[in-house]
PDB file of N, CA and C in Angstrom:
ATOM      1  N   MET A   1      36.163 -37.346 107.884  1.00  0.00           N
ATOM      2  CA  MET A   1      36.743 -37.289 106.437  1.00  0.00           C
ATOM      3  C   MET A   1      36.779 -35.602 106.331  1.00  0.00           C
ATOM      4  N   ALA A   2      37.802 -35.292 105.771  1.00  0.00           N
ATOM      5  CA  ALA A   2      37.877 -33.809 104.992  1.00  0.00           C
ATOM      6  C   ALA A   2      36.998 -33.639 103.843  1.00  0.00           C
ATOM      7  N   LEU A   3      36.604 -32.346 103.677  1.00  0.00           N
ATOM      8  CA  LEU A   3      35.807 -31.986 102.630  1.00  0.00           C
ATOM      9  C   LEU A   3      36.461 -32.259 101.425  1.00  0.00           C
ATOM     10  N   LYS A   4      37.679 -31.811 101.331  1.00  0.00           N
ATOM     11  CA  LYS A   4      38.459 -32.118  99.913  1.00  0.00           C
ATOM     12  C   LYS A   4      38.613 -33.399  99.751  1.00  0.00           C
ATOM     13  N   GLU A   5      38.898 -34.489 100.650  1.00  0.00           N
ATOM     14  CA  GLU A   5      38.882 -35.934 100.441  1.00  0.00           C
ATOM     15  C   GLU A   5      37.766 -36.376  99.891  1.00  0.00           C
ATOM     16  N   TYR A   6      36.436 -35.877 100.518  1.00  0.00           N
ATOM     17  CA  TYR A   6      35.277 -36.336 100.233  1.00  0.00           C
ATOM     18  C   TYR A   6      34.850 -35.930  98.800  1.00  0.00           C
ATOM     19  N   LEU A   7      35.290 -34.691  98.332  1.00  0.00           N
ATOM     20  CA  LEU A   7      34.931 -34.163  97.040  1.00  0.00           C
ATOM     21  C   LEU A   7      35.892 -34.941  96.020  1.00  0.00           C
ATOM     22  N   THR A   8      37.033 -35.172  96.312  1.00  0.00           N
ATOM     23  CA  THR A   8      38.127 -36.158  95.548  1.00  0.00           C
ATOM     24  C   THR A   8      37.279 -37.469  95.134  1.00  0.00           C
ATOM     25  N   GLU A   9      36.772 -37.976  96.288  1.00  0.00           N
ATOM     26  CA  GLU A   9      36.196 -39.424  95.842  1.00  0.00           C
ATOM     27  C   GLU A   9      35.041 -39.463  95.282  1.00  0.00           C
ATOM     28  N   ASN A  10      34.278 -38.344  95.373  1.00  0.00           N
ATOM     29  CA  ASN A  10      32.856 -38.257  94.713  1.00  0.00           C
ATOM     30  C   ASN A  10      32.799 -37.182  93.692  1.00  0.00           C
ATOM     31  N   GLN A  11      33.836 -36.622  93.164  1.00  0.00           N
ATOM     32  CA  GLN A  11      33.926 -35.538  92.186  1.00  0.00           C
ATOM     33  C   GLN A  11      33.361 -36.115  90.736  1.00  0.00           C
ATOM     34  N   GLU A  12      33.793 -37.289  90.332  1.00  0.00           N
ATOM     35  CA  GLU A  12      33.330 -37.782  89.130  1.00  0.00           C
ATOM     36  C   GLU A  12      31.743 -37.976  89.046  1.00  0.00           C
ATOM     37  N   LYS A  13      31.405 -38.622  90.179  1.00  0.00           N
ATOM     38  CA  LYS A  13      29.841 -38.823  90.278  1.00  0.00           C
ATOM     39  C   LYS A  13      29.146 -37.682  90.519  1.00  0.00           C
ATOM     40  N   LEU A  14      29.563 -36.606  91.175  1.00  0.00           N
ATOM     41  CA  LEU A  14      28.798 -35.363  91.362  1.00  0.00           C
ATOM     42  C   LEU A  14      28.700 -34.687  89.990  1.00  0.00           C
ATOM     43  N   ASP A  15      29.919 -34.572  89.326  1.00  0.00           N
ATOM     44  CA  ASP A  15      29.797 -34.061  88.061  1.00  0.00           C
ATOM     45  C   ASP A  15      28.755 -34.626  87.099  1.00  0.00           C
ATOM     46  N   LEU A  16      28.791 -35.914  87.098  1.00  0.00           N
ATOM     47  CA  LEU A  16      27.799 -36.553  86.199  1.00  0.00           C
ATOM     48  C   LEU A  16      26.474 -36.344  86.675  1.00  0.00           C
ATOM     49  N   TYR A  17      26.137 -36.468  87.977  1.00  0.00           N
ATOM     50  CA  TYR A  17      24.915 -36.464  88.603  1.00  0.00           C
ATOM     51  C   TYR A  17      24.133 -34.927  88.481  1.00  0.00           C
ATOM     52  N   THR A  18      25.197 -33.939  88.690  1.00  0.00           N
ATOM     53  CA  THR A  18      24.685 -32.482  88.767  1.00  0.00           C
ATOM     54  C   THR A  18      24.321 -32.407  87.060  1.00  0.00           C
ATOM     55  N   THR A  19      24.918 -32.762  86.352  1.00  0.00           N
ATOM     56  CA  THR A  19      24.386 -32.430  84.874  1.00  0.00           C
ATOM     57  C   THR A  19      23.342 -33.372  84.512  1.00  0.00           C
ATOM     58  N   ALA A  20      23.087 -34.462  85.168  1.00  0.00           N
ATOM     59  CA  ALA A  20      22.027 -35.423  84.732  1.00  0.00           C
ATOM     60  C   ALA A  20      20.871 -34.708  85.306  1.00  0.00           C
ATOM     61  N   ILE A  21      20.886 -34.329  86.423  1.00  0.00           N
ATOM     62  CA  ILE A  21      19.404 -33.728  87.199  1.00  0.00           C
ATOM     63  C   ILE A  21      19.036 -32.577  86.258  1.00  0.00           C
ATOM     64  N   THR A  22      19.858 -31.830  85.486  1.00  0.00           N
ATOM     65  CA  THR A  22      19.512 -30.590  84.615  1.00  0.00           C
ATOM     66  C   THR A  22      18.772 -31.304  83.509  1.00  0.00           C
ATOM     67  N   ARG A  23      18.956 -32.195  82.973  1.00  0.00           N
ATOM     68  CA  ARG A  23      18.528 -32.783  81.782  1.00  0.00           C
ATOM     69  C   ARG A  23      17.285 -33.553  82.100  1.00  0.00           C
ATOM     70  N   ALA A  24      17.332 -34.265  83.400  1.00  0.00           N
ATOM     71  CA  ALA A  24      15.933 -34.990  83.721  1.00  0.00           C
ATOM     72  C   ALA A  24      14.890 -34.241  84.405  1.00  0.00           C
ATOM     73  N   HIS A  25      15.279 -33.186  85.088  1.00  0.00           N
ATOM     74  CA  HIS A  25      14.506 -32.376  86.110  1.00  0.00           C
ATOM     75  C   HIS A  25      14.310 -30.944  85.897  1.00  0.00           C
ATOM     76  N   GLY A  26      15.233 -30.467  84.980  1.00  0.00           N
ATOM     77  CA  GLY A  26      15.215 -29.030  84.781  1.00  0.00           C
ATOM     78  C   GLY A  26      14.082 -28.407  84.431  1.00  0.00           C
ATOM     79  N   LYS A  27      13.198 -28.932  83.596  1.00  0.00           N
ATOM     80  CA  LYS A  27      11.885 -28.343  83.207  1.00  0.00           C
ATOM     81  C   LYS A  27      11.021 -28.137  84.351  1.00  0.00           C
ATOM     82  N   ASN A  28      10.938 -29.109  85.319  1.00  0.00           N
ATOM     83  CA  ASN A  28      10.184 -28.831  86.493  1.00  0.00           C
ATOM     84  C   ASN A  28      10.758 -28.509  87.597  1.00  0.00           C
ATOM     85  N   HIS A  29      12.164 -28.234  87.717  1.00  0.00           N
ATOM     86  CA  HIS A  29      12.712 -27.963  88.735  1.00  0.00           C
ATOM     87  C   HIS A  29      13.894 -27.173  88.371  1.00  0.00           C
ATOM     88  N   PRO A  30      13.485 -25.874  87.999  1.00  0.00           N
ATOM     89  CA  PRO A  30      14.806 -25.181  87.474  1.00  0.00           C
ATOM     90  C   PRO A  30      15.835 -24.751  88.344  1.00  0.00           C
ATOM     91  N   GLU A  31      15.763 -25.126  89.668  1.00  0.00           N
ATOM     92  CA  GLU A  31      16.777 -24.867  90.765  1.00  0.00           C
ATOM     93  C   GLU A  31      17.920 -25.800  90.352  1.00  0.00           C
ATOM     94  N   ALA A  32      17.477 -27.089  89.680  1.00  0.00           N
ATOM     95  CA  ALA A  32      18.665 -27.734  89.266  1.00  0.00           C
ATOM     96  C   ALA A  32      19.760 -27.265  88.418  1.00  0.00           C
ATOM     97  N   PHE A  33      19.465 -26.398  87.561  1.00  0.00           N
ATOM     98  CA  PHE A  33      20.636 -25.590  86.941  1.00  0.00           C
ATOM     99  C   PHE A  33      21.173 -24.889  87.771  1.00  0.00           C
ATOM    100  N   ALA A  34      20.697 -24.176  88.818  1.00  0.00           N
ATOM    101  CA  ALA A  34      21.522 -23.396  89.831  1.00  0.00           C
ATOM    102  C   ALA A  34      22.474 -24.329  90.651  1.00  0.00           C
ATOM    103  N   VAL A  35      21.877 -25.508  90.998  1.00  0.00           N
ATOM    104  CA  VAL A  35      22.564 -26.406  91.874  1.00  0.00           C
ATOM    105  C   VAL A  35      23.894 -26.974  90.963  1.00  0.00           C
ATOM    106  N   ARG A  36      23.714 -27.187  89.761  1.00  0.00           N
ATOM    107  CA  ARG A  36      24.792 -27.576  88.730  1.00  0.00           C
ATOM    108  C   ARG A  36      26.038 -26.404  88.727  1.00  0.00           C
ATOM    109  N   ASP A  37      25.392 -25.170  88.556  1.00  0.00           N
ATOM    110  CA  ASP A  37      26.440 -23.961  88.455  1.00  0.00           C
ATOM    111  C   ASP A  37      27.047 -23.794  89.849  1.00  0.00           C
ATOM    112  N   LEU A  38      26.383 -23.982  90.874  1.00  0.00           N
ATOM    113  CA  LEU A  38      27.004 -23.772  92.196  1.00  0.00           C
ATOM    114  C   LEU A  38      27.859 -24.879  92.434  1.00  0.00           C
ATOM    115  N   TYR A  39      27.583 -26.005  92.103  1.00  0.00           N
ATOM    116  CA  TYR A  39      28.569 -27.365  92.294  1.00  0.00           C
ATOM    117  C   TYR A  39      29.883 -27.020  91.499  1.00  0.00           C
ATOM    118  N   THR A  40      29.860 -26.581  90.385  1.00  0.00           N
ATOM    119  CA  THR A  40      31.015 -26.191  89.562  1.00  0.00           C
ATOM    120  C   THR A  40      31.883 -25.201  90.437  1.00  0.00           C
ATOM    121  N   GLU A  41      31.111 -24.143  90.995  1.00  0.00           N
ATOM    122  CA  GLU A  41      31.801 -23.115  91.858  1.00  0.00           C
ATOM    123  C   GLU A  41      32.693 -23.639  92.855  1.00  0.00           C
ATOM    124  N   LEU A  42      31.720 -24.534  93.645  1.00  0.00           N
ATOM    125  CA  LEU A  42      32.261 -25.157  94.814  1.00  0.00           C
ATOM    126  C   LEU A  42      33.311 -25.990  94.750  1.00  0.00           C
ATOM    127  N   GLU A  43      33.303 -26.878  93.559  1.00  0.00           N
ATOM    128  CA  GLU A  43      34.399 -27.687  93.311  1.00  0.00           C
ATOM    129  C   GLU A  43      35.713 -26.986  93.056  1.00  0.00           C
ATOM    130  N   ALA A  44      35.738 -25.792  92.305  1.00  0.00           N
ATOM    131  CA  ALA A  44      36.804 -24.826  92.336  1.00  0.00           C
ATOM    132  C   ALA A  44      37.229 -24.102  93.600  1.00  0.00           C
ATOM    133  N   ALA A  45      36.380 -23.960  94.106  1.00  0.00           N
ATOM    134  CA  ALA A  45      36.733 -23.366  95.589  1.00  0.00           C
ATOM    135  C   ALA A  45      37.364 -24.298  96.473  1.00  0.00           C
ATOM    136  N   VAL A  46      37.005 -25.504  96.595  1.00  0.00           N
ATOM    137  CA  VAL A  46      37.406 -26.465  97.389  1.00  0.00           C
ATOM    138  C   VAL A  46      38.730 -26.817  97.188  1.00  0.00           C
ATOM    139  N   PHE A  47      39.051 -27.051  95.811  1.00  0.00           N
ATOM    140  CA  PHE A  47      40.274 -27.458  95.330  1.00  0.00           C
ATOM    141  C   PHE A  47      41.378 -26.415  95.289  1.00  0.00           C
ATOM    142  N   ASN A  48      40.912 -25.131  95.302  1.00  0.00           N
ATOM    143  CA  ASN A  48      41.608 -24.006  95.396  1.00  0.00           C
ATOM    144  C   ASN A  48      41.815 -23.376  96.811  1.00  0.00           C
ATOM    145  N   ASP A  49      41.498 -24.042  97.792  1.00  0.00           N
ATOM    146  CA  ASP A  49      41.592 -23.866  99.212  1.00  0.00           C
ATOM    147  C   ASP A  49      41.051 -22.262  99.404  1.00  0.00           C
ATOM    148  N   LYS A  50      39.754 -22.025  98.930  1.00  0.00           N
ATOM    149  CA  LYS A  50      39.231 -20.639  99.018  1.00  0.00           C
ATOM    150  C   LYS A  50      37.816 -20.961  99.992  1.00  0.00           C
ATOM    151  N   LYS A  51      38.327 -20.881 101.124  1.00  0.00           N
ATOM    152  CA  LYS A  51      37.241 -21.139 102.317  1.00  0.00           C
ATOM    153  C   LYS A  51      36.188 -20.390 102.385  1.00  0.00           C
ATOM    154  N   GLU A  52      36.423 -18.860 102.347  1.00  0.00           N
ATOM    155  CA  GLU A  52      35.327 -17.848 102.284  1.00  0.00           C
ATOM    156  C   GLU A  52      34.286 -18.133 101.076  1.00  0.00           C
ATOM    157  N   LYS A  53      34.836 -18.356  99.980  1.00  0.00           N
ATOM    158  CA  LYS A  53      34.234 -18.740  98.587  1.00  0.00           C
ATOM    159  C   LYS A  53      33.478 -19.948  98.904  1.00  0.00           C
ATOM    160  N   THR A  54      33.993 -21.228  99.452  1.00  0.00           N
ATOM    161  CA  THR A  54      33.373 -22.342  99.896  1.00  0.00           C
ATOM    162  C   THR A  54      32.202 -22.333 100.782  1.00  0.00           C
ATOM    163  N   THR A  55      32.286 -21.432 101.732  1.00  0.00           N
ATOM    164  CA  THR A  55      31.156 -20.923 102.805  1.00  0.00           C
ATOM    165  C   THR A  55      30.127 -20.337 101.852  1.00  0.00           C
ATOM    166  N   ARG A  56      30.335 -19.332 101.209  1.00  0.00           N
ATOM    167  CA  ARG A  56      29.488 -18.667 100.533  1.00  0.00           C
ATOM    168  C   ARG A  56      28.497 -19.396  99.374  1.00  0.00           C
ATOM    169  N   VAL A  57      29.124 -20.440  98.892  1.00  0.00           N
ATOM    170  CA  VAL A  57      28.570 -21.249  98.009  1.00  0.00           C
ATOM    171  C   VAL A  57      27.605 -22.226  98.570  1.00  0.00           C
ATOM    172  N   PHE A  58      28.137 -22.829  99.748  1.00  0.00           N
ATOM    173  CA  PHE A  58      27.257 -23.589 100.538  1.00  0.00           C
ATOM    174  C   PHE A  58      26.025 -22.786 101.158  1.00  0.00           C
ATOM    175  N   LYS A  59      26.152 -21.616 101.465  1.00  0.00           N
ATOM    176  CA  LYS A  59      24.957 -20.653 101.778  1.00  0.00           C
ATOM    177  C   LYS A  59      23.955 -20.863 100.726  1.00  0.00           C
ATOM    178  N   GLU A  60      24.509 -20.352  99.590  1.00  0.00           N
ATOM    179  CA  GLU A  60      23.776 -20.323  98.263  1.00  0.00           C
ATOM    180  C   GLU A  60      23.024 -21.727  97.889  1.00  0.00           C
ATOM    181  N   LEU A  61      23.726 -22.777  98.035  1.00  0.00           N
ATOM    182  CA  LEU A  61      23.041 -24.130  98.013  1.00  0.00           C
ATOM    183  C   LEU A  61      21.998 -24.500  98.855  1.00  0.00           C
ATOM    184  N   ARG A  62      22.326 -23.898 100.110  1.00  0.00           N
ATOM    185  CA  ARG A  62      21.162 -24.324 101.040  1.00  0.00           C
ATOM    186  C   ARG A  62      19.997 -23.351 100.667  1.00  0.00           C
ATOM    187  N   GLN A  63      20.112 -22.164 100.257  1.00  0.00           N
ATOM    188  CA  GLN A  63      19.081 -21.462  99.858  1.00  0.00           C
ATOM    189  C   GLN A  63      18.280 -22.030  98.635  1.00  0.00           C
ATOM    190  N   VAL A  64      19.063 -22.308  97.690  1.00  0.00           N
ATOM    191  CA  VAL A  64      18.470 -22.753  96.446  1.00  0.00           C
ATOM    192  C   VAL A  64      17.648 -23.969  96.615  1.00  0.00           C
ATOM    193  N   THR A  65      18.127 -24.972  97.549  1.00  0.00           N
ATOM    194  CA  THR A  65      17.731 -26.256  97.741  1.00  0.00           C
ATOM    195  C   THR A  65      16.766 -26.376  98.883  1.00  0.00           C
ATOM    196  N   SER A  66      16.481 -25.203  99.533  1.00  0.00           N
ATOM    197  CA  SER A  66      15.605 -25.067 100.765  1.00  0.00           C
ATOM    198  C   SER A  66      16.319 -26.002 101.762  1.00  0.00           C
ATOM    199  N   ASN A  67      17.533 -25.903 102.028  1.00  0.00           N
ATOM    200  CA  ASN A  67      18.142 -26.777 102.948  1.00  0.00           C
ATOM    201  C   ASN A  67      18.192 -28.330 102.470  1.00  0.00           C
ATOM    202  N   TYR A  68      18.345 -28.559 101.285  1.00  0.00           N
ATOM    203  CA  TYR A  68      18.392 -29.674 100.626  1.00  0.00           C
ATOM    204  C   TYR A  68      17.127 -30.697 100.891  1.00  0.00           C
ATOM    205  N   GLU A  69      15.948 -30.030 100.816  1.00  0.00           N
ATOM    206  CA  GLU A  69      14.665 -30.708 100.843  1.00  0.00           C
ATOM    207  C   GLU A  69      14.555 -31.231  99.553  1.00  0.00           C
ATOM    208  N   MET A  70      14.202 -32.610  99.622  1.00  0.00           N
ATOM    209  CA  MET A  70      13.778 -33.315  98.486  1.00  0.00           C
ATOM    210  C   MET A  70      12.499 -33.265  97.837  1.00  0.00           C
ATOM    211  N   PRO A  71      12.543 -32.688  96.654  1.00  0.00           N
ATOM    212  CA  PRO A  71      11.150 -32.718  96.099  1.00  0.00           C
ATOM    213  C   PRO A  71      10.435 -34.192  95.780  1.00  0.00           C
ATOM    214  N   ASN A  72       9.261 -34.112  95.682  1.00  0.00           N
ATOM    215  CA  ASN A  72       8.579 -35.568  95.844  1.00  0.00           C
ATOM    216  C   ASN A  72       8.514 -36.117  94.558  1.00  0.00           C
ATOM    217  N   ASP A  73       8.844 -35.544  93.568  1.00  0.00           N
ATOM    218  CA  ASP A  73       8.678 -36.049  92.250  1.00  0.00           C
ATOM    219  C   ASP A  73      10.184 -36.364  91.409  1.00  0.00           C
ATOM    220  N   VAL A  74      11.130 -36.527  92.162  1.00  0.00           N
ATOM    221  CA  VAL A  74      12.569 -36.706  91.506  1.00  0.00           C
ATOM    222  C   VAL A  74      12.931 -38.024  91.565  1.00  0.00           C
ATOM    223  N   CYS A  75      14.021 -38.409  90.929  1.00  0.00           N
ATOM    224  CA  CYS A  75      14.570 -39.753  90.765  1.00  0.00           C
ATOM    225  C   CYS A  75      15.731 -39.830  91.726  1.00  0.00           C
ATOM    226  N   GLU A  76      16.197 -41.042  91.739  1.00  0.00           N
ATOM    227  CA  GLU A  76      17.362 -41.545  92.842  1.00  0.00           C
ATOM    228  C   GLU A  76      18.646 -40.631  92.504  1.00  0.00           C
ATOM    229  N   THR A  77      18.940 -40.249  91.349  1.00  0.00           N
ATOM    230  CA  THR A  77      20.119 -39.467  91.033  1.00  0.00           C
ATOM    231  C   THR A  77      19.969 -38.036  91.700  1.00  0.00           C
ATOM    232  N   TYR A  78      18.730 -37.638  91.721  1.00  0.00           N
ATOM    233  CA  TYR A  78      18.570 -36.130  92.300  1.00  0.00           C
ATOM    234  C   TYR A  78      18.702 -36.358  93.893  1.00  0.00           C
ATOM    235  N   GLU A  79      18.100 -37.368  94.231  1.00  0.00           N
ATOM    236  CA  GLU A  79      18.114 -37.622  95.776  1.00  0.00           C
ATOM    237  C   GLU A  79      19.931 -37.705  96.274  1.00  0.00           C
ATOM    238  N   ALA A  80      20.396 -38.502  95.417  1.00  0.00           N
ATOM    239  CA  ALA A  80      21.741 -38.886  95.654  1.00  0.00           C
ATOM    240  C   ALA A  80      22.671 -37.636  95.504  1.00  0.00           C
ATOM    241  N   THR A  81      22.357 -36.705  94.562  1.00  0.00           N
ATOM    242  CA  THR A  81      23.097 -35.463  94.574  1.00  0.00           C
ATOM    243  C   THR A  81      22.768 -34.496  95.595  1.00  0.00           C
ATOM    244  N   PHE A  82      21.558 -34.517  96.132  1.00  0.00           N
ATOM    245  CA  PHE A  82      21.411 -33.618  97.285  1.00  0.00           C
ATOM    246  C   PHE A  82      22.047 -34.240  98.558  1.00  0.00           C
ATOM    247  N   HIS A  83      21.991 -35.708  98.638  1.00  0.00           N
ATOM    248  CA  HIS A  83      22.562 -36.148  99.789  1.00  0.00           C
ATOM    249  C   HIS A  83      24.074 -35.868  99.929  1.00  0.00           C
ATOM    250  N   MET A  84      24.708 -36.092  98.745  1.00  0.00           N
ATOM    251  CA  MET A  84      26.181 -35.976  98.701  1.00  0.00           C
ATOM    252  C   MET A  84      26.404 -34.383  98.900  1.00  0.00           C
ATOM    253  N   LEU A  85      25.633 -33.467  98.390  1.00  0.00           N
ATOM    254  CA  LEU A  85      26.013 -31.937  98.509  1.00  0.00           C
ATOM    255  C   LEU A  85      25.794 -31.603 100.111  1.00  0.00           C
ATOM    256  N   GLU A  86      24.892 -32.139 100.666  1.00  0.00           N
ATOM    257  CA  GLU A  86      24.474 -32.108 102.050  1.00  0.00           C
ATOM    258  C   GLU A  86      25.681 -32.536 102.892  1.00  0.00           C
ATOM    259  N   LYS A  87      25.977 -33.730 102.547  1.00  0.00           N
ATOM    260  CA  LYS A  87      27.130 -34.278 103.422  1.00  0.00           C
ATOM    261  C   LYS A  87      28.429 -33.462 103.241  1.00  0.00           C
ATOM    262  N   MET A  88      28.670 -32.944 101.977  1.00  0.00           N
ATOM    263  CA  MET A  88      29.920 -32.096 101.897  1.00  0.00           C
ATOM    264  C   MET A  88      29.671 -30.682 102.747  1.00  0.00           C
ATOM    265  N   ASP A  89      28.469 -30.196 102.765  1.00  0.00           N
ATOM    266  CA  ASP A  89      28.218 -29.112 103.605  1.00  0.00           C
ATOM    267  C   ASP A  89      28.444 -29.341 105.028  1.00  0.00           C
ATOM    268  N   GLN A  90      27.807 -30.607 105.533  1.00  0.00           N
ATOM    269  CA  GLN A  90      28.376 -30.877 107.075  1.00  0.00           C
ATOM    270  C   GLN A  90      29.871 -31.065 107.283  1.00  0.00           C
ATOM    271  N   LEU A  91      30.507 -31.669 106.235  1.00  0.00           N
ATOM    272  CA  LEU A  91      31.980 -31.694 106.407  1.00  0.00           C
ATOM    273  C   LEU A  91      32.563 -30.499 106.607  1.00  0.00           C
ATOM    274  N   GLN A  92      32.068 -29.343 105.582  1.00  0.00           N
ATOM    275  CA  GLN A  92      32.617 -28.017 105.659  1.00  0.00           C
ATOM    276  C   GLN A  92      32.466 -27.294 106.835  1.00  0.00           C
ATOM    277  N   ALA A  93      31.203 -27.658 107.641  1.00  0.00           N
ATOM    278  CA  ALA A  93      31.009 -27.055 108.793  1.00  0.00           C
ATOM    279  C   ALA A  93      31.943 -27.557 110.106  1.00  0.00           C
ATOM    280  N   ILE A  94      32.258 -28.740 109.733  1.00  0.00           N
ATOM    281  CA  ILE A  94      33.179 -29.324 110.756  1.00  0.00           C
ATOM    282  C   ILE A  94      34.563 -28.850 110.668  1.00  0.00           C
ATOM    283  N   ASN A  95      34.906 -28.619 109.316  1.00  0.00           N
ATOM    284  CA  ASN A  95      36.564 -28.560 108.985  1.00  0.00           C
ATOM    285  C   ASN A  95      36.823 -26.700 109.223  1.00  0.00           C
TER     286      ASN A  95
END
């Protein structure tokens, strides 16, 4: 599956989830705000075929999330968000 196709299928969910994790976990996990901001950058980069920017944003996401490492005190939405972003990162590396 291509990155753009995966994002298209999951865009609504990722938009909702990246917003939700800032509200639910932002106080204890300020990186959630960076994840939200980076996701919006990523979304624009992918849909505008900006491969260099897409690569840069994924690099920043890996740094902010410690390679998508899951904090032990988060909800299923937080976990799902990280899993989807990690899947996109893997697709980006293939394409």
